[in-house]
Amino acid sequence: MPVKRNQATANSDPANLKNKRNTTLGVIKLARLHTLESLLCVYPAIWGACLGAGRHHKSFTIASFLGIIFANWISMTIAHMTFCTFNDIVDRNFDGKVERTKVRPLPAGIITVRAAVIAFIMEMALTVYISHKTLGYEGALVCTPVWILSTIYPFMKRVVQCPQLVLGPIIGMAVLPGWVSVAGNLDSISDAMPMVLAVSAWVVYFDTIYATQDTNDDKKIGVKSLAILLHDHMHQFLGFLGSMQIALLCFTARKANMSALFWSLGVFVWGMNIPFQLLSLDVKQPKTGGKVFLMNILLGLWITLVAIAELWTTTVLHWDVNVLLRQVVVQNITATAQNIRSSVTF
């Protein structure tokens, strides 16, 4: 016991914490620049751009196509960086009591609270500036509700049992900057709302799964979560969210005139992933939550690559993928029939 007291004293000693400090590393880790998490905000923006282009029958040069992809990537990445920093500032006392998060920069003493606050202020200014420069006035305007909700979100974990229902719309509304970046105005933004709801359902789905890793620690320190509330009914709830995602995605893809490429490699693959993920999740084994969460990052990456391919083939190359696919199918059927006829004749 005396050894544990001495060790605890050493870990909390100001001189010891000062030796651990590395402000640059702390800023990087607060912003999650060492992880792939920012992709979860980039994905919906790219999807929004793809669906918006289909809805408005847009045509792009290679330069404008690359500009749209870059604008959505950089604006969403910096926004994610900013509000992860803010989240860790607000949660610093809770993070120190949870096994998985006690190594984060603030509870670990890698960076001071003052330095973290300064980093957040600078990042927030950069977020507003970059969003306006890359997405335009309308793009920055539709980002504003996302920024407001992102500021509120860390406090909701103390107030409501389901903070995931706040996080869902935050990332779901990332569809809107992507949509507006190709539409050029806000006139058709209502057409993007089903996809906003689909992404919101997806976020609540994977964040509830993610939270299963910390349910034991969260119960001890009073952090609220759907993973705790729905523990015994987790799979039923997640199954409902999965069905909701697919239904809304199908509705939006149909309205946006998506080609067979998006339907076969995007919608179908997403639909097949949901039951596989539910079978892979065991709420009694917290590590499975992390694995299924990673599956969703990879699923999002796949859908994004499909969306980029859809955007490229239809707006830059101007291919009619449905016609090309029909031609390929007809050619294969014809060739097969000829082979069969030749075999029979022989």
Protein backbone atom coordinates (compact mmCIF):
# COMPACT_ATOMS: atom_id res chain seq x y z
CA MET A 1 0.00 0.00 0.00
CA PRO A 2 2.73 2.58 0.81
CA VAL A 3 4.28 1.85 -2.59
CA LYS A 4 0.99 2.68 -4.33
CA ARG A 5 0.67 5.96 -2.41
CA ASN A 6 4.21 6.94 -3.34
CA GLN A 7 3.56 6.05 -6.97
CA ALA A 8 0.35 8.07 -7.05
CA THR A 9 2.15 11.03 -5.48
CA ALA A 10 4.91 10.79 -8.06
CA ASN A 11 2.42 10.68 -10.93
CA SER A 12 0.61 13.79 -9.71
CA ASP A 13 3.75 15.71 -8.73
CA PRO A 14 3.93 19.02 -10.69
CA ALA A 15 7.64 18.58 -11.41
CA ASN A 16 6.99 15.09 -12.79
CA LEU A 17 4.15 16.35 -14.99
CA LYS A 18 6.34 19.19 -16.25
CA ASN A 19 8.92 16.67 -17.40
CA LYS A 20 6.22 14.89 -19.42
CA ARG A 21 5.13 18.03 -21.23
CA ASN A 22 5.44 18.29 -24.97
CA THR A 23 3.09 21.01 -26.20
CA THR A 24 3.48 20.22 -29.90
CA LEU A 25 2.71 16.54 -29.36
CA GLY A 26 -0.16 17.52 -27.07
CA VAL A 27 -1.75 19.75 -29.72
CA ILE A 28 -1.42 16.98 -32.33
CA LYS A 29 -3.02 14.39 -30.07
CA LEU A 30 -5.79 16.70 -28.87
CA ALA A 31 -6.67 17.33 -32.51
CA ARG A 32 -6.59 13.55 -33.25
CA LEU A 33 -4.17 14.17 -36.10
CA HIS A 34 -2.46 10.89 -35.22
CA THR A 35 -5.66 8.88 -35.90
CA LEU A 36 -8.11 8.29 -38.75
CA GLU A 37 -11.06 9.69 -36.80
CA SER A 38 -11.36 12.86 -38.90
CA LEU A 39 -12.36 10.69 -41.86
CA LEU A 40 -15.73 10.13 -40.17
CA CYS A 41 -16.50 13.81 -40.81
CA VAL A 42 -14.95 13.91 -44.28
CA TYR A 43 -16.95 10.93 -45.55
CA PRO A 44 -20.44 12.54 -45.33
CA ALA A 45 -19.22 15.72 -47.03
CA ILE A 46 -17.91 13.72 -50.01
CA TRP A 47 -21.16 11.74 -50.13
CA GLY A 48 -23.10 15.01 -50.10
CA ALA A 49 -21.03 16.31 -53.03
CA CYS A 50 -21.64 13.11 -55.01
CA LEU A 51 -25.40 13.09 -54.39
CA GLY A 52 -25.67 16.84 -55.01
CA ALA A 53 -23.89 16.48 -58.36
CA GLY A 54 -26.29 13.70 -59.36
CA ARG A 55 -29.32 15.69 -58.29
CA HIS A 56 -28.22 18.77 -60.27
CA HIS A 57 -26.73 16.90 -63.28
CA LYS A 58 -23.42 18.72 -62.85
CA SER A 59 -20.43 18.64 -65.17
CA PHE A 60 -16.88 19.30 -63.91
CA THR A 61 -13.39 19.70 -65.27
CA ILE A 62 -10.63 17.69 -63.64
CA ALA A 63 -9.47 20.81 -61.77
CA SER A 64 -12.93 21.65 -60.41
CA PHE A 65 -13.50 18.00 -59.45
CA LEU A 66 -10.26 17.92 -57.44
CA GLY A 67 -11.11 21.31 -55.94
CA ILE A 68 -14.43 20.02 -54.59
CA ILE A 69 -12.81 16.95 -53.03
CA PHE A 70 -10.04 19.06 -51.46
CA ALA A 71 -12.42 21.75 -50.16
CA ASN A 72 -14.61 19.22 -48.36
CA TRP A 73 -11.63 17.27 -47.02
CA ILE A 74 -9.73 20.24 -45.60
CA SER A 75 -12.74 22.03 -44.12
CA MET A 76 -14.10 18.92 -42.38
CA THR A 77 -10.67 17.80 -41.16
CA ILE A 78 -9.92 21.16 -39.53
CA ALA A 79 -13.40 21.36 -37.97
CA HIS A 80 -12.97 17.86 -36.51
CA MET A 81 -9.53 18.82 -35.21
CA THR A 82 -10.97 21.92 -33.51
CA PHE A 83 -13.84 20.28 -31.70
CA CYS A 84 -11.86 17.23 -30.61
CA THR A 85 -9.57 19.69 -28.84
CA PHE A 86 -12.58 21.39 -27.25
CA ASN A 87 -14.08 18.03 -26.23
CA ASP A 88 -10.87 17.01 -24.46
CA ILE A 89 -10.69 20.34 -22.61
CA VAL A 90 -14.22 19.89 -21.29
CA ASP A 91 -13.77 16.17 -20.52
CA ARG A 92 -10.29 16.37 -18.99
CA ASN A 93 -11.42 15.44 -15.46
CA PHE A 94 -13.57 12.53 -16.66
CA ASP A 95 -10.87 11.27 -19.03
CA GLY A 96 -8.45 10.85 -16.15
CA LYS A 97 -10.82 8.36 -14.51
CA VAL A 98 -11.37 6.12 -17.55
CA GLU A 99 -8.77 3.48 -18.36
CA ARG A 100 -8.89 4.02 -22.13
CA THR A 101 -8.74 7.83 -22.01
CA LYS A 102 -6.46 8.60 -19.07
CA VAL A 103 -3.47 8.68 -21.45
CA ARG A 104 -4.94 11.61 -23.39
CA PRO A 105 -2.77 14.76 -23.38
CA LEU A 106 -4.54 16.75 -20.64
CA PRO A 107 -4.99 14.07 -17.94
CA ALA A 108 -1.53 12.69 -18.78
CA GLY A 109 0.06 16.12 -18.31
CA ILE A 110 1.50 16.31 -21.84
CA ILE A 111 -0.06 19.76 -22.35
CA THR A 112 -1.43 22.40 -19.98
CA VAL A 113 -5.07 23.51 -20.00
CA ARG A 114 -3.98 27.05 -20.91
CA ALA A 115 -2.05 25.82 -23.96
CA ALA A 116 -4.98 23.62 -24.99
CA VAL A 117 -7.41 26.56 -24.78
CA ILE A 118 -5.08 28.73 -26.89
CA ALA A 119 -4.82 25.91 -29.44
CA PHE A 120 -8.63 25.64 -29.58
CA ILE A 121 -9.10 29.38 -30.16
CA MET A 122 -6.57 29.36 -32.99
CA GLU A 123 -8.10 26.22 -34.51
CA MET A 124 -11.61 27.71 -34.32
CA ALA A 125 -10.47 30.82 -36.18
CA LEU A 126 -8.80 28.61 -38.79
CA THR A 127 -11.97 26.52 -39.13
CA VAL A 128 -14.13 29.55 -39.94
CA TYR A 129 -11.55 31.01 -42.33
CA ILE A 130 -10.85 27.78 -44.26
CA SER A 131 -14.54 26.87 -44.51
CA HIS A 132 -15.36 30.28 -45.97
CA LYS A 133 -12.40 30.26 -48.38
CA THR A 134 -12.91 26.72 -49.69
CA LEU A 135 -16.69 26.20 -49.49
CA GLY A 136 -17.87 29.78 -49.99
CA TYR A 137 -20.37 31.78 -47.96
CA GLU A 138 -23.21 29.25 -48.31
CA GLY A 139 -20.92 26.36 -47.38
CA ALA A 140 -19.71 28.13 -44.25
CA LEU A 141 -23.30 29.05 -43.42
CA VAL A 142 -24.50 25.43 -43.37
CA CYS A 143 -21.46 24.54 -41.24
CA THR A 144 -22.56 26.95 -38.49
CA PRO A 145 -25.17 24.62 -36.89
CA VAL A 146 -22.52 21.88 -36.86
CA TRP A 147 -20.11 24.14 -34.97
CA ILE A 148 -22.79 25.14 -32.45
CA LEU A 149 -23.85 21.54 -31.76
CA SER A 150 -20.19 20.49 -31.52
CA THR A 151 -19.74 23.04 -28.75
CA ILE A 152 -22.77 21.71 -26.88
CA TYR A 153 -22.03 18.00 -27.31
CA PRO A 154 -19.39 17.47 -24.56
CA PHE A 155 -21.79 18.83 -21.94
CA MET A 156 -24.65 16.58 -23.03
CA LYS A 157 -22.82 13.53 -21.67
CA ARG A 158 -23.49 14.97 -18.21
CA VAL A 159 -27.15 15.82 -18.78
CA VAL A 160 -28.88 13.27 -21.03
CA GLN A 161 -28.71 9.49 -21.24
CA CYS A 162 -28.28 9.54 -25.01
CA PRO A 163 -25.58 12.06 -26.07
CA GLN A 164 -25.18 10.03 -29.27
CA LEU A 165 -28.45 11.62 -30.43
CA VAL A 166 -26.62 14.96 -30.42
CA LEU A 167 -23.46 13.61 -32.06
CA GLY A 168 -25.50 12.01 -34.87
CA PRO A 169 -26.82 15.28 -36.36
CA ILE A 170 -23.41 16.93 -35.89
CA ILE A 171 -21.73 14.54 -38.32
CA GLY A 172 -24.92 13.98 -40.33
CA MET A 173 -25.07 17.67 -41.23
CA ALA A 174 -21.59 17.38 -42.76
CA VAL A 175 -23.53 16.17 -45.82
CA LEU A 176 -24.77 19.74 -46.35
CA PRO A 177 -21.42 21.50 -47.05
CA GLY A 178 -20.67 18.82 -49.64
CA TRP A 179 -24.08 19.22 -51.25
CA VAL A 180 -23.87 23.03 -51.30
CA SER A 181 -20.29 22.96 -52.65
CA VAL A 182 -21.61 21.49 -55.92
CA ALA A 183 -25.10 23.02 -55.97
CA GLY A 184 -23.72 26.54 -55.45
CA ASN A 185 -26.80 27.65 -53.48
CA LEU A 186 -29.22 26.59 -50.74
CA ASP A 187 -32.29 26.15 -52.97
CA SER A 188 -32.28 22.34 -53.06
CA ILE A 189 -30.91 21.70 -49.58
CA SER A 190 -34.14 19.98 -48.50
CA ASP A 191 -33.34 17.19 -50.98
CA ALA A 192 -30.21 16.41 -48.95
CA MET A 193 -32.09 15.92 -45.68
CA PRO A 194 -32.79 12.17 -46.10
CA MET A 195 -29.03 11.61 -46.44
CA VAL A 196 -28.45 13.79 -43.38
CA LEU A 197 -30.82 11.50 -41.46
CA ALA A 198 -29.14 8.38 -42.88
CA VAL A 199 -25.71 9.55 -41.75
CA SER A 200 -27.11 10.65 -38.37
CA ALA A 201 -28.51 7.14 -37.85
CA TRP A 202 -25.15 5.67 -38.88
CA VAL A 203 -23.29 7.87 -36.38
CA VAL A 204 -25.63 6.99 -33.50
CA TYR A 205 -25.18 3.35 -34.54
CA PHE A 206 -21.36 3.26 -34.56
CA ASP A 207 -20.91 5.63 -31.60
CA THR A 208 -23.18 3.48 -29.44
CA ILE A 209 -21.03 0.51 -30.46
CA TYR A 210 -17.89 2.53 -29.67
CA ALA A 211 -19.26 3.39 -26.20
CA THR A 212 -19.59 -0.30 -25.28
CA GLN A 213 -15.82 -0.25 -24.66
CA ASP A 214 -16.23 2.09 -21.66
CA THR A 215 -19.52 1.08 -20.06
CA ASN A 216 -17.97 -0.16 -16.82
CA ASP A 217 -15.89 2.99 -16.26
CA ASP A 218 -18.70 5.29 -17.44
CA LYS A 219 -21.09 3.82 -14.86
CA LYS A 220 -18.58 4.49 -12.08
CA ILE A 221 -17.99 8.15 -12.95
CA GLY A 222 -21.53 9.05 -14.01
CA VAL A 223 -21.05 9.53 -17.76
CA LYS A 224 -24.31 8.87 -19.61
CA SER A 225 -24.51 6.76 -22.76
CA LEU A 226 -26.94 4.78 -24.91
CA ALA A 227 -24.59 1.83 -24.48
CA ILE A 228 -25.47 1.82 -20.76
CA LEU A 229 -29.17 2.56 -21.23
CA LEU A 230 -29.72 -0.12 -23.89
CA HIS A 231 -27.33 -2.76 -22.66
CA ASP A 232 -29.86 -5.61 -22.72
CA HIS A 233 -31.54 -4.44 -25.94
CA MET A 234 -28.45 -3.29 -27.83
CA HIS A 235 -28.77 -5.52 -30.89
CA GLN A 236 -32.46 -4.73 -31.45
CA PHE A 237 -31.77 -0.99 -31.33
CA LEU A 238 -28.74 -1.25 -33.61
CA GLY A 239 -30.72 -3.41 -36.04
CA PHE A 240 -33.39 -0.70 -36.23
CA LEU A 241 -30.75 1.96 -36.90
CA GLY A 242 -29.14 -0.22 -39.56
CA SER A 243 -32.47 -0.66 -41.37
CA MET A 244 -33.08 3.08 -41.14
CA GLN A 245 -29.68 3.82 -42.71
CA ILE A 246 -30.30 1.60 -45.72
CA ALA A 247 -33.87 2.81 -46.31
CA LEU A 248 -32.83 6.48 -46.27
CA LEU A 249 -29.75 5.82 -48.38
CA CYS A 250 -31.88 4.06 -51.02
CA PHE A 251 -34.37 6.92 -51.05
CA THR A 252 -31.65 9.56 -51.48
CA ALA A 253 -29.75 7.58 -54.13
CA ARG A 254 -32.94 7.21 -56.16
CA LYS A 255 -33.78 10.92 -55.91
CA ALA A 256 -30.20 11.83 -56.89
CA ASN A 257 -30.21 9.59 -60.00
CA MET A 258 -27.26 7.49 -58.84
CA SER A 259 -25.93 4.97 -61.34
CA ALA A 260 -25.65 1.19 -61.04
CA LEU A 261 -22.07 1.76 -59.84
CA PHE A 262 -23.26 3.46 -56.66
CA TRP A 263 -26.15 1.04 -56.14
CA SER A 264 -24.09 -2.14 -56.54
CA LEU A 265 -20.82 -1.14 -54.89
CA GLY A 266 -22.23 1.39 -52.42
CA VAL A 267 -25.76 0.71 -51.26
CA PHE A 268 -25.53 -3.09 -51.57
CA VAL A 269 -22.18 -3.32 -49.74
CA TRP A 270 -23.45 -1.05 -46.94
CA GLY A 271 -26.54 -3.21 -46.57
CA MET A 272 -24.50 -6.42 -46.34
CA ASN A 273 -22.20 -4.94 -43.69
CA ILE A 274 -24.92 -4.24 -41.12
CA PRO A 275 -25.82 -7.88 -40.24
CA PHE A 276 -22.14 -8.86 -40.28
CA GLN A 277 -21.30 -6.11 -37.79
CA LEU A 278 -24.18 -7.02 -35.49
CA LEU A 279 -23.04 -10.63 -35.44
CA SER A 280 -19.49 -9.48 -34.62
CA LEU A 281 -20.55 -7.37 -31.62
CA ASP A 282 -20.62 -8.93 -28.16
CA VAL A 283 -21.50 -6.38 -25.47
CA LYS A 284 -19.94 -8.66 -22.84
CA GLN A 285 -16.60 -8.37 -24.66
CA PRO A 286 -15.72 -4.63 -24.78
CA LYS A 287 -12.93 -5.13 -27.31
CA THR A 288 -15.45 -6.20 -29.96
CA GLY A 289 -16.91 -2.68 -29.81
CA GLY A 290 -13.58 -1.23 -30.93
CA LYS A 291 -13.29 -3.76 -33.75
CA VAL A 292 -16.79 -3.05 -35.08
CA PHE A 293 -16.12 0.70 -34.82
CA LEU A 294 -13.05 0.20 -37.02
CA MET A 295 -15.21 -1.75 -39.48
CA ASN A 296 -17.36 1.36 -39.84
CA ILE A 297 -14.35 3.58 -40.52
CA LEU A 298 -13.33 1.17 -43.29
CA LEU A 299 -16.91 0.91 -44.57
CA GLY A 300 -17.09 4.70 -44.73
CA LEU A 301 -13.81 4.77 -46.65
CA TRP A 302 -15.13 2.23 -49.16
CA ILE A 303 -18.39 4.15 -49.71
CA THR A 304 -16.38 7.36 -50.13
CA LEU A 305 -14.19 5.76 -52.81
CA VAL A 306 -17.35 4.57 -54.57
CA ALA A 307 -18.84 8.08 -54.31
CA ILE A 308 -15.66 9.60 -55.79
CA ALA A 309 -15.74 7.02 -58.61
CA GLU A 310 -19.41 7.88 -59.24
CA LEU A 311 -18.61 11.59 -59.26
CA TRP A 312 -15.64 11.09 -61.60
CA THR A 313 -17.35 8.83 -64.13
CA THR A 314 -20.59 10.81 -64.38
CA THR A 315 -19.47 14.44 -64.05
CA VAL A 316 -15.94 14.43 -65.53
CA LEU A 317 -15.92 11.51 -67.98
CA HIS A 318 -19.67 11.83 -68.68
CA TRP A 319 -20.18 8.09 -68.86
CA ASP A 320 -23.67 6.68 -68.71
CA VAL A 321 -22.76 3.82 -66.39
CA ASN A 322 -26.20 2.21 -66.65
CA VAL A 323 -25.97 2.02 -70.46
CA LEU A 324 -22.40 0.70 -70.30
CA LEU A 325 -23.45 -1.94 -67.79
CA ARG A 326 -26.37 -3.04 -69.96
CA GLN A 327 -24.05 -3.32 -72.96
CA VAL A 328 -21.61 -5.46 -70.98
CA VAL A 329 -24.41 -7.71 -69.74
CA VAL A 330 -25.89 -8.09 -73.24
CA GLN A 331 -22.46 -8.84 -74.73
CA ASN A 332 -21.78 -11.49 -72.08
CA ILE A 333 -25.18 -13.09 -72.58
CA THR A 334 -24.71 -13.08 -76.35
CA ALA A 335 -21.22 -14.58 -76.08
CA THR A 336 -22.47 -17.26 -73.68
CA ALA A 337 -25.37 -18.12 -75.99
CA GLN A 338 -23.02 -18.42 -78.96
CA ASN A 339 -20.69 -20.70 -76.99
CA ILE A 340 -23.60 -22.92 -76.00
CA ARG A 341 -24.87 -23.02 -79.59
CA SER A 342 -21.40 -23.94 -80.85
CA SER A 343 -21.09 -26.70 -78.26
CA VAL A 344 -24.48 -28.14 -79.17
CA THR A 345 -23.69 -28.00 -82.90
CA PHE A 346 -20.39 -29.79 -82.33
